[in-house]
Amino acid sequence: MDLDDFQQLIEKMYSHKDRQRGAAGTFLWLSEEIGELAASIGVGDRENQKEEFADVLAWLATLANVQDINLSEVIKAKYGQGCPGCRKYICTCTEKQ
């Protein structure tokens, strides 16, 4: 499944709830999932990390859907020509190491 397919799947499964919750409520859910991912990384629970990565991506797709943002399009626009800073496919930027 590619990112477009996943975002459309999330839209189909959950949009009837997501749009009622709105962007702010959805962002709070995303933030909670990021916290759960951080906790699983902290304790080194690899199996739980897999689930939490999936949850974070699902909530990010949800938020993008609520905001009518196509993730594949914005990723391609920002990163499709390489690093946004140096425009190289192997980043040579030094400010964020």
PDB file of N, CA and C in Angstrom:
ATOM      1  N   MET A   1       0.854  -1.182   0.000  1.00  0.00           N
ATOM      2  CA  MET A   1       0.000   0.000   0.000  1.00  0.00           C
ATOM      3  C   MET A   1       0.893   1.236   0.000  1.00  0.00           C
ATOM      4  N   ASP A   2       0.617   2.159  -0.898  1.00  0.00           N
ATOM      5  CA  ASP A   2       1.393   3.391  -0.903  1.00  0.00           C
ATOM      6  C   ASP A   2       0.683   4.456  -0.050  1.00  0.00           C
ATOM      7  N   LEU A   3       1.326   5.604   0.076  1.00  0.00           N
ATOM      8  CA  LEU A   3       0.807   6.654   0.950  1.00  0.00           C
ATOM      9  C   LEU A   3      -0.554   7.163   0.490  1.00  0.00           C
ATOM     10  N   ASP A   4      -0.740   7.329  -0.820  1.00  0.00           N
ATOM     11  CA  ASP A   4      -2.049   7.764  -1.327  1.00  0.00           C
ATOM     12  C   ASP A   4      -3.144   6.772  -0.956  1.00  0.00           C
ATOM     13  N   ASP A   5      -2.862   5.486  -1.179  1.00  0.00           N
ATOM     14  CA  ASP A   5      -3.845   4.448  -0.844  1.00  0.00           C
ATOM     15  C   ASP A   5      -4.178   4.477   0.647  1.00  0.00           C
ATOM     16  N   PHE A   6      -3.143   4.636   1.465  1.00  0.00           N
ATOM     17  CA  PHE A   6      -3.356   4.662   2.912  1.00  0.00           C
ATOM     18  C   PHE A   6      -4.197   5.861   3.322  1.00  0.00           C
ATOM     19  N   GLN A   7      -3.872   7.029   2.790  1.00  0.00           N
ATOM     20  CA  GLN A   7      -4.626   8.225   3.153  1.00  0.00           C
ATOM     21  C   GLN A   7      -6.083   8.093   2.719  1.00  0.00           C
ATOM     22  N   GLN A   8      -6.319   7.514   1.558  1.00  0.00           N
ATOM     23  CA  GLN A   8      -7.690   7.295   1.096  1.00  0.00           C
ATOM     24  C   GLN A   8      -8.421   6.268   1.966  1.00  0.00           C
ATOM     25  N   LEU A   9      -7.713   5.228   2.399  1.00  0.00           N
ATOM     26  CA  LEU A   9      -8.302   4.229   3.289  1.00  0.00           C
ATOM     27  C   LEU A   9      -8.733   4.870   4.604  1.00  0.00           C
ATOM     28  N   ILE A  10      -7.862   5.689   5.169  1.00  0.00           N
ATOM     29  CA  ILE A  10      -8.189   6.387   6.420  1.00  0.00           C
ATOM     30  C   ILE A  10      -9.388   7.300   6.206  1.00  0.00           C
ATOM     31  N   GLU A  11      -9.423   7.987   5.072  1.00  0.00           N
ATOM     32  CA  GLU A  11     -10.563   8.862   4.754  1.00  0.00           C
ATOM     33  C   GLU A  11     -11.858   8.055   4.710  1.00  0.00           C
ATOM     34  N   LYS A  12     -11.809   6.926   4.032  1.00  0.00           N
ATOM     35  CA  LYS A  12     -13.011   6.095   3.895  1.00  0.00           C
ATOM     36  C   LYS A  12     -13.476   5.546   5.245  1.00  0.00           C
ATOM     37  N   MET A  13     -12.540   5.084   6.053  1.00  0.00           N
ATOM     38  CA  MET A  13     -12.904   4.457   7.327  1.00  0.00           C
ATOM     39  C   MET A  13     -13.378   5.454   8.382  1.00  0.00           C
ATOM     40  N   TYR A  14     -12.754   6.624   8.411  1.00  0.00           N
ATOM     41  CA  TYR A  14     -12.949   7.489   9.574  1.00  0.00           C
ATOM     42  C   TYR A  14     -13.445   8.899   9.299  1.00  0.00           C
ATOM     43  N   SER A  15     -13.568   9.318   8.049  1.00  0.00           N
ATOM     44  CA  SER A  15     -13.861  10.731   7.789  1.00  0.00           C
ATOM     45  C   SER A  15     -15.162  11.199   8.412  1.00  0.00           C
ATOM     46  N   HIS A  16     -16.131  10.301   8.546  1.00  0.00           N
ATOM     47  CA  HIS A  16     -17.404  10.709   9.140  1.00  0.00           C
ATOM     48  C   HIS A  16     -17.216  11.150  10.598  1.00  0.00           C
ATOM     49  N   LYS A  17     -16.228  10.615  11.285  1.00  0.00           N
ATOM     50  CA  LYS A  17     -15.922  11.036  12.661  1.00  0.00           C
ATOM     51  C   LYS A  17     -14.914  12.190  12.679  1.00  0.00           C
ATOM     52  N   ASP A  18     -13.904  12.076  11.807  1.00  0.00           N
ATOM     53  CA  ASP A  18     -12.780  13.007  11.847  1.00  0.00           C
ATOM     54  C   ASP A  18     -13.193  14.446  11.594  1.00  0.00           C
ATOM     55  N   ARG A  19     -14.040  14.657  10.622  1.00  0.00           N
ATOM     56  CA  ARG A  19     -14.434  16.026  10.292  1.00  0.00           C
ATOM     57  C   ARG A  19     -15.277  16.656  11.403  1.00  0.00           C
ATOM     58  N   GLN A  20     -16.013  15.842  12.135  1.00  0.00           N
ATOM     59  CA  GLN A  20     -16.775  16.364  13.280  1.00  0.00           C
ATOM     60  C   GLN A  20     -15.837  16.784  14.406  1.00  0.00           C
ATOM     61  N   ARG A  21     -14.760  16.018  14.605  1.00  0.00           N
ATOM     62  CA  ARG A  21     -13.797  16.306  15.667  1.00  0.00           C
ATOM     63  C   ARG A  21     -13.028  17.576  15.354  1.00  0.00           C
ATOM     64  N   GLY A  22     -12.719  17.781  14.070  1.00  0.00           N
ATOM     65  CA  GLY A  22     -11.988  18.969  13.651  1.00  0.00           C
ATOM     66  C   GLY A  22     -10.488  18.831  13.795  1.00  0.00           C
ATOM     67  N   ALA A  23      -9.796  19.836  13.296  1.00  0.00           N
ATOM     68  CA  ALA A  23      -8.331  19.810  13.274  1.00  0.00           C
ATOM     69  C   ALA A  23      -7.724  19.834  14.669  1.00  0.00           C
ATOM     70  N   ALA A  24      -8.250  20.674  15.552  1.00  0.00           N
ATOM     71  CA  ALA A  24      -7.653  20.785  16.889  1.00  0.00           C
ATOM     72  C   ALA A  24      -7.780  19.474  17.662  1.00  0.00           C
ATOM     73  N   GLY A  25      -8.952  18.874  17.643  1.00  0.00           N
ATOM     74  CA  GLY A  25      -9.141  17.602  18.341  1.00  0.00           C
ATOM     75  C   GLY A  25      -8.318  16.489  17.731  1.00  0.00           C
ATOM     76  N   THR A  26      -8.212  16.494  16.416  1.00  0.00           N
ATOM     77  CA  THR A  26      -7.415  15.475  15.733  1.00  0.00           C
ATOM     78  C   THR A  26      -5.942  15.654  16.041  1.00  0.00           C
ATOM     79  N   PHE A  27      -5.492  16.893  16.115  1.00  0.00           N
ATOM     80  CA  PHE A  27      -4.095  17.145  16.464  1.00  0.00           C
ATOM     81  C   PHE A  27      -3.783  16.636  17.872  1.00  0.00           C
ATOM     82  N   LEU A  28      -4.714  16.778  18.774  1.00  0.00           N
ATOM     83  CA  LEU A  28      -4.505  16.249  20.128  1.00  0.00           C
ATOM     84  C   LEU A  28      -4.344  14.735  20.106  1.00  0.00           C
ATOM     85  N   TRP A  29      -5.146  14.038  19.301  1.00  0.00           N
ATOM     86  CA  TRP A  29      -4.999  12.583  19.171  1.00  0.00           C
ATOM     87  C   TRP A  29      -3.642  12.232  18.578  1.00  0.00           C
ATOM     88  N   LEU A  30      -3.213  12.968  17.554  1.00  0.00           N
ATOM     89  CA  LEU A  30      -1.894  12.739  16.958  1.00  0.00           C
ATOM     90  C   LEU A  30      -0.806  12.928  18.006  1.00  0.00           C
ATOM     91  N   SER A  31      -0.927  13.971  18.783  1.00  0.00           N
ATOM     92  CA  SER A  31       0.064  14.246  19.828  1.00  0.00           C
ATOM     93  C   SER A  31       0.120  13.121  20.852  1.00  0.00           C
ATOM     94  N   GLU A  32      -1.028  12.593  21.225  1.00  0.00           N
ATOM     95  CA  GLU A  32      -1.070  11.471  22.163  1.00  0.00           C
ATOM     96  C   GLU A  32      -0.357  10.256  21.583  1.00  0.00           C
ATOM     97  N   GLU A  33      -0.588   9.988  20.305  1.00  0.00           N
ATOM     98  CA  GLU A  33       0.069   8.840  19.660  1.00  0.00           C
ATOM     99  C   GLU A  33       1.580   9.043  19.577  1.00  0.00           C
ATOM    100  N   ILE A  34       2.016  10.262  19.337  1.00  0.00           N
ATOM    101  CA  ILE A  34       3.458  10.541  19.326  1.00  0.00           C
ATOM    102  C   ILE A  34       4.041  10.275  20.712  1.00  0.00           C
ATOM    103  N   GLY A  35       3.311  10.656  21.752  1.00  0.00           N
ATOM    104  CA  GLY A  35       3.757  10.370  23.114  1.00  0.00           C
ATOM    105  C   GLY A  35       3.853   8.873  23.387  1.00  0.00           C
ATOM    106  N   GLU A  36       2.895   8.111  22.879  1.00  0.00           N
ATOM    107  CA  GLU A  36       2.935   6.660  23.053  1.00  0.00           C
ATOM    108  C   GLU A  36       4.116   6.055  22.303  1.00  0.00           C
ATOM    109  N   LEU A  37       4.419   6.586  21.121  1.00  0.00           N
ATOM    110  CA  LEU A  37       5.586   6.124  20.374  1.00  0.00           C
ATOM    111  C   LEU A  37       6.864   6.447  21.145  1.00  0.00           C
ATOM    112  N   ALA A  38       6.941   7.642  21.689  1.00  0.00           N
ATOM    113  CA  ALA A  38       8.116   8.034  22.468  1.00  0.00           C
ATOM    114  C   ALA A  38       8.310   7.107  23.666  1.00  0.00           C
ATOM    115  N   ALA A  39       7.216   6.769  24.339  1.00  0.00           N
ATOM    116  CA  ALA A  39       7.313   5.872  25.498  1.00  0.00           C
ATOM    117  C   ALA A  39       7.794   4.488  25.080  1.00  0.00           C
ATOM    118  N   SER A  40       7.295   3.986  23.962  1.00  0.00           N
ATOM    119  CA  SER A  40       7.713   2.649  23.527  1.00  0.00           C
ATOM    120  C   SER A  40       9.174   2.638  23.081  1.00  0.00           C
ATOM    121  N   ILE A  41       9.642   3.739  22.503  1.00  0.00           N
ATOM    122  CA  ILE A  41      11.060   3.848  22.154  1.00  0.00           C
ATOM    123  C   ILE A  41      11.892   3.906  23.432  1.00  0.00           C
ATOM    124  N   GLY A  42      11.386   4.634  24.413  1.00  0.00           N
ATOM    125  CA  GLY A  42      12.100   4.770  25.682  1.00  0.00           C
ATOM    126  C   GLY A  42      12.330   3.454  26.410  1.00  0.00           C
ATOM    127  N   VAL A  43      11.371   2.564  26.319  1.00  0.00           N
ATOM    128  CA  VAL A  43      11.517   1.277  27.008  1.00  0.00           C
ATOM    129  C   VAL A  43      12.069   0.193  26.084  1.00  0.00           C
ATOM    130  N   GLY A  44      12.212   0.506  24.804  1.00  0.00           N
ATOM    131  CA  GLY A  44      12.794  -0.442  23.863  1.00  0.00           C
ATOM    132  C   GLY A  44      11.873  -1.574  23.439  1.00  0.00           C
ATOM    133  N   ASP A  45      10.568  -1.336  23.489  1.00  0.00           N
ATOM    134  CA  ASP A  45       9.591  -2.357  23.102  1.00  0.00           C
ATOM    135  C   ASP A  45       9.372  -2.298  21.590  1.00  0.00           C
ATOM    136  N   ARG A  46      10.139  -3.074  20.856  1.00  0.00           N
ATOM    137  CA  ARG A  46      10.129  -3.021  19.389  1.00  0.00           C
ATOM    138  C   ARG A  46       8.772  -3.371  18.798  1.00  0.00           C
ATOM    139  N   GLU A  47       8.101  -4.374  19.324  1.00  0.00           N
ATOM    140  CA  GLU A  47       6.791  -4.758  18.780  1.00  0.00           C
ATOM    141  C   GLU A  47       5.776  -3.641  18.987  1.00  0.00           C
ATOM    142  N   ASN A  48       5.784  -3.009  20.147  1.00  0.00           N
ATOM    143  CA  ASN A  48       4.868  -1.904  20.383  1.00  0.00           C
ATOM    144  C   ASN A  48       5.228  -0.698  19.520  1.00  0.00           C
ATOM    145  N   GLN A  49       6.521  -0.492  19.277  1.00  0.00           N
ATOM    146  CA  GLN A  49       6.946   0.610  18.412  1.00  0.00           C
ATOM    147  C   GLN A  49       6.323   0.475  17.028  1.00  0.00           C
ATOM    148  N   LYS A  50       6.273  -0.743  16.504  1.00  0.00           N
ATOM    149  CA  LYS A  50       5.678  -0.961  15.180  1.00  0.00           C
ATOM    150  C   LYS A  50       4.230  -0.494  15.164  1.00  0.00           C
ATOM    151  N   GLU A  51       3.482  -0.845  16.190  1.00  0.00           N
ATOM    152  CA  GLU A  51       2.079  -0.426  16.277  1.00  0.00           C
ATOM    153  C   GLU A  51       1.964   1.081  16.410  1.00  0.00           C
ATOM    154  N   GLU A  52       2.824   1.666  17.222  1.00  0.00           N
ATOM    155  CA  GLU A  52       2.747   3.110  17.460  1.00  0.00           C
ATOM    156  C   GLU A  52       3.160   3.903  16.219  1.00  0.00           C
ATOM    157  N   PHE A  53       4.150   3.421  15.464  1.00  0.00           N
ATOM    158  CA  PHE A  53       4.481   4.084  14.205  1.00  0.00           C
ATOM    159  C   PHE A  53       3.276   4.084  13.280  1.00  0.00           C
ATOM    160  N   ALA A  54       2.585   2.963  13.197  1.00  0.00           N
ATOM    161  CA  ALA A  54       1.392   2.877  12.344  1.00  0.00           C
ATOM    162  C   ALA A  54       0.316   3.842  12.831  1.00  0.00           C
ATOM    163  N   ASP A  55       0.127   3.918  14.148  1.00  0.00           N
ATOM    164  CA  ASP A  55      -0.876   4.822  14.702  1.00  0.00           C
ATOM    165  C   ASP A  55      -0.534   6.287  14.417  1.00  0.00           C
ATOM    166  N   VAL A  56       0.745   6.645  14.575  1.00  0.00           N
ATOM    167  CA  VAL A  56       1.162   8.026  14.302  1.00  0.00           C
ATOM    168  C   VAL A  56       0.894   8.373  12.838  1.00  0.00           C
ATOM    169  N   LEU A  57       1.239   7.463  11.939  1.00  0.00           N
ATOM    170  CA  LEU A  57       0.998   7.724  10.524  1.00  0.00           C
ATOM    171  C   LEU A  57      -0.496   7.837  10.226  1.00  0.00           C
ATOM    172  N   ALA A  58      -1.301   6.989  10.864  1.00  0.00           N
ATOM    173  CA  ALA A  58      -2.753   7.039  10.650  1.00  0.00           C
ATOM    174  C   ALA A  58      -3.332   8.376  11.129  1.00  0.00           C
ATOM    175  N   TRP A  59      -2.886   8.843  12.283  1.00  0.00           N
ATOM    176  CA  TRP A  59      -3.411  10.112  12.792  1.00  0.00           C
ATOM    177  C   TRP A  59      -2.883  11.298  11.996  1.00  0.00           C
ATOM    178  N   LEU A  60      -1.666  11.192  11.457  1.00  0.00           N
ATOM    179  CA  LEU A  60      -1.167  12.247  10.579  1.00  0.00           C
ATOM    180  C   LEU A  60      -1.996  12.292   9.297  1.00  0.00           C
ATOM    181  N   ALA A  61      -2.306  11.130   8.733  1.00  0.00           N
ATOM    182  CA  ALA A  61      -3.168  11.068   7.547  1.00  0.00           C
ATOM    183  C   ALA A  61      -4.551  11.617   7.863  1.00  0.00           C
ATOM    184  N   THR A  62      -5.049  11.308   9.035  1.00  0.00           N
ATOM    185  CA  THR A  62      -6.348  11.823   9.462  1.00  0.00           C
ATOM    186  C   THR A  62      -6.338  13.343   9.510  1.00  0.00           C
ATOM    187  N   LEU A  63      -5.323  13.905  10.135  1.00  0.00           N
ATOM    188  CA  LEU A  63      -5.223  15.361  10.234  1.00  0.00           C
ATOM    189  C   LEU A  63      -5.098  15.992   8.847  1.00  0.00           C
ATOM    190  N   ALA A  64      -4.311  15.375   7.992  1.00  0.00           N
ATOM    191  CA  ALA A  64      -4.185  15.881   6.621  1.00  0.00           C
ATOM    192  C   ALA A  64      -5.533  15.832   5.902  1.00  0.00           C
ATOM    193  N   ASN A  65      -6.284  14.765   6.104  1.00  0.00           N
ATOM    194  CA  ASN A  65      -7.610  14.670   5.481  1.00  0.00           C
ATOM    195  C   ASN A  65      -8.545  15.763   5.983  1.00  0.00           C
ATOM    196  N   VAL A  66      -8.543  15.989   7.279  1.00  0.00           N
ATOM    197  CA  VAL A  66      -9.400  17.025   7.863  1.00  0.00           C
ATOM    198  C   VAL A  66      -9.055  18.391   7.278  1.00  0.00           C
ATOM    199  N   GLN A  67      -7.770  18.592   7.007  1.00  0.00           N
ATOM    200  CA  GLN A  67      -7.304  19.874   6.470  1.00  0.00           C
ATOM    201  C   GLN A  67      -7.271  19.893   4.939  1.00  0.00           C
ATOM    202  N   ASP A  68      -7.761  18.823   4.302  1.00  0.00           N
ATOM    203  CA  ASP A  68      -7.762  18.710   2.842  1.00  0.00           C
ATOM    204  C   ASP A  68      -6.369  18.873   2.237  1.00  0.00           C
ATOM    205  N   ILE A  69      -5.424  18.152   2.820  1.00  0.00           N
ATOM    206  CA  ILE A  69      -4.035  18.142   2.356  1.00  0.00           C
ATOM    207  C   ILE A  69      -3.714  16.743   1.843  1.00  0.00           C
ATOM    208  N   ASN A  70      -3.215  16.637   0.627  1.00  0.00           N
ATOM    209  CA  ASN A  70      -2.772  15.364   0.083  1.00  0.00           C
ATOM    210  C   ASN A  70      -1.299  15.192   0.448  1.00  0.00           C
ATOM    211  N   LEU A  71      -1.022  14.232   1.308  1.00  0.00           N
ATOM    212  CA  LEU A  71       0.343  14.052   1.804  1.00  0.00           C
ATOM    213  C   LEU A  71       1.338  13.751   0.690  1.00  0.00           C
ATOM    214  N   SER A  72       0.973  12.907  -0.259  1.00  0.00           N
ATOM    215  CA  SER A  72       1.895  12.575  -1.351  1.00  0.00           C
ATOM    216  C   SER A  72       2.276  13.824  -2.136  1.00  0.00           C
ATOM    217  N   GLU A  73       1.312  14.673  -2.401  1.00  0.00           N
ATOM    218  CA  GLU A  73       1.594  15.894  -3.162  1.00  0.00           C
ATOM    219  C   GLU A  73       2.532  16.831  -2.413  1.00  0.00           C
ATOM    220  N   VAL A  74       2.270  17.038  -1.129  1.00  0.00           N
ATOM    221  CA  VAL A  74       3.111  17.987  -0.387  1.00  0.00           C
ATOM    222  C   VAL A  74       4.501  17.432  -0.122  1.00  0.00           C
ATOM    223  N   ILE A  75       4.601  16.110   0.048  1.00  0.00           N
ATOM    224  CA  ILE A  75       5.921  15.494   0.227  1.00  0.00           C
ATOM    225  C   ILE A  75       6.737  15.642  -1.056  1.00  0.00           C
ATOM    226  N   LYS A  76       6.106  15.364  -2.189  1.00  0.00           N
ATOM    227  CA  LYS A  76       6.801  15.486  -3.470  1.00  0.00           C
ATOM    228  C   LYS A  76       7.226  16.928  -3.712  1.00  0.00           C
ATOM    229  N   ALA A  77       6.341  17.863  -3.408  1.00  0.00           N
ATOM    230  CA  ALA A  77       6.663  19.276  -3.621  1.00  0.00           C
ATOM    231  C   ALA A  77       7.836  19.724  -2.757  1.00  0.00           C
ATOM    232  N   LYS A  78       7.893  19.251  -1.521  1.00  0.00           N
ATOM    233  CA  LYS A  78       8.943  19.719  -0.612  1.00  0.00           C
ATOM    234  C   LYS A  78      10.234  18.917  -0.735  1.00  0.00           C
ATOM    235  N   TYR A  79      10.135  17.596  -0.906  1.00  0.00           N
ATOM    236  CA  TYR A  79      11.319  16.731  -0.868  1.00  0.00           C
ATOM    237  C   TYR A  79      11.632  16.041  -2.191  1.00  0.00           C
ATOM    238  N   GLY A  80      10.807  16.229  -3.196  1.00  0.00           N
ATOM    239  CA  GLY A  80      10.983  15.529  -4.458  1.00  0.00           C
ATOM    240  C   GLY A  80      12.213  15.915  -5.249  1.00  0.00           C
ATOM    241  N   GLN A  81      12.789  17.057  -4.949  1.00  0.00           N
ATOM    242  CA  GLN A  81      14.005  17.511  -5.629  1.00  0.00           C
ATOM    243  C   GLN A  81      15.216  17.454  -4.713  1.00  0.00           C
ATOM    244  N   GLY A  82      15.105  16.670  -3.643  1.00  0.00           N
ATOM    245  CA  GLY A  82      16.216  16.560  -2.695  1.00  0.00           C
ATOM    246  C   GLY A  82      15.927  17.344  -1.426  1.00  0.00           C
ATOM    247  N   CYS A  83      16.954  17.534  -0.641  1.00  0.00           N
ATOM    248  CA  CYS A  83      16.844  18.258   0.625  1.00  0.00           C
ATOM    249  C   CYS A  83      16.324  19.670   0.362  1.00  0.00           C
ATOM    250  N   PRO A  84      15.324  20.113   1.116  1.00  0.00           N
ATOM    251  CA  PRO A  84      14.812  21.473   0.909  1.00  0.00           C
ATOM    252  C   PRO A  84      15.862  22.562   1.152  1.00  0.00           C
ATOM    253  N   GLY A  85      16.887  22.255   1.946  1.00  0.00           N
ATOM    254  CA  GLY A  85      17.914  23.251   2.235  1.00  0.00           C
ATOM    255  C   GLY A  85      18.980  23.348   1.168  1.00  0.00           C
ATOM    256  N   CYS A  86      19.625  22.223   0.867  1.00  0.00           N
ATOM    257  CA  CYS A  86      20.758  22.241  -0.074  1.00  0.00           C
ATOM    258  C   CYS A  86      20.394  21.722  -1.460  1.00  0.00           C
ATOM    259  N   ARG A  87      19.180  21.147  -1.615  1.00  0.00           N
ATOM    260  CA  ARG A  87      18.688  20.610  -2.885  1.00  0.00           C
ATOM    261  C   ARG A  87      19.510  19.430  -3.392  1.00  0.00           C
ATOM    262  N   LYS A  88      20.158  18.715  -2.476  1.00  0.00           N
ATOM    263  CA  LYS A  88      20.908  17.519  -2.851  1.00  0.00           C
ATOM    264  C   LYS A  88      20.193  16.302  -2.290  1.00  0.00           C
ATOM    265  N   TYR A  89      20.332  15.174  -2.988  1.00  0.00           N
ATOM    266  CA  TYR A  89      19.683  13.955  -2.514  1.00  0.00           C
ATOM    267  C   TYR A  89      20.417  13.342  -1.333  1.00  0.00           C
ATOM    268  N   ILE A  90      21.660  13.652  -1.179  1.00  0.00           N
ATOM    269  CA  ILE A  90      22.383  13.315   0.048  1.00  0.00           C
ATOM    270  C   ILE A  90      22.724  14.652   0.683  1.00  0.00           C
ATOM    271  N   CYS A  91      21.996  14.962   1.739  1.00  0.00           N
ATOM    272  CA  CYS A  91      22.058  16.290   2.353  1.00  0.00           C
ATOM    273  C   CYS A  91      23.462  16.652   2.812  1.00  0.00           C
ATOM    274  N   THR A  92      23.838  17.892   2.510  1.00  0.00           N
ATOM    275  CA  THR A  92      25.112  18.433   2.953  1.00  0.00           C
ATOM    276  C   THR A  92      24.918  19.611   3.902  1.00  0.00           C
ATOM    277  N   CYS A  93      23.699  19.846   4.320  1.00  0.00           N
ATOM    278  CA  CYS A  93      23.427  20.933   5.265  1.00  0.00           C
ATOM    279  C   CYS A  93      24.152  20.658   6.586  1.00  0.00           C
ATOM    280  N   THR A  94      24.573  21.722   7.258  1.00  0.00           N
ATOM    281  CA  THR A  94      25.286  21.550   8.515  1.00  0.00           C
ATOM    282  C   THR A  94      24.519  22.065   9.723  1.00  0.00           C
ATOM    283  N   GLU A  95      23.457  22.821   9.510  1.00  0.00           N
ATOM    284  CA  GLU A  95      22.771  23.451  10.635  1.00  0.00           C
ATOM    285  C   GLU A  95      21.916  22.505  11.478  1.00  0.00           C
ATOM    286  N   LYS A  96      21.508  21.348  10.960  1.00  0.00           N
ATOM    287  CA  LYS A  96      20.673  20.416  11.714  1.00  0.00           C
ATOM    288  C   LYS A  96      21.325  19.047  11.781  1.00  0.00           C
ATOM    289  N   GLN A  97      22.394  18.941  12.548  1.00  0.00           N
ATOM    290  CA  GLN A  97      23.093  17.655  12.635  1.00  0.00           C
ATOM    291  C   GLN A  97      22.799  16.926  13.892  1.00  0.00           C
TER     292      GLN A  97
END
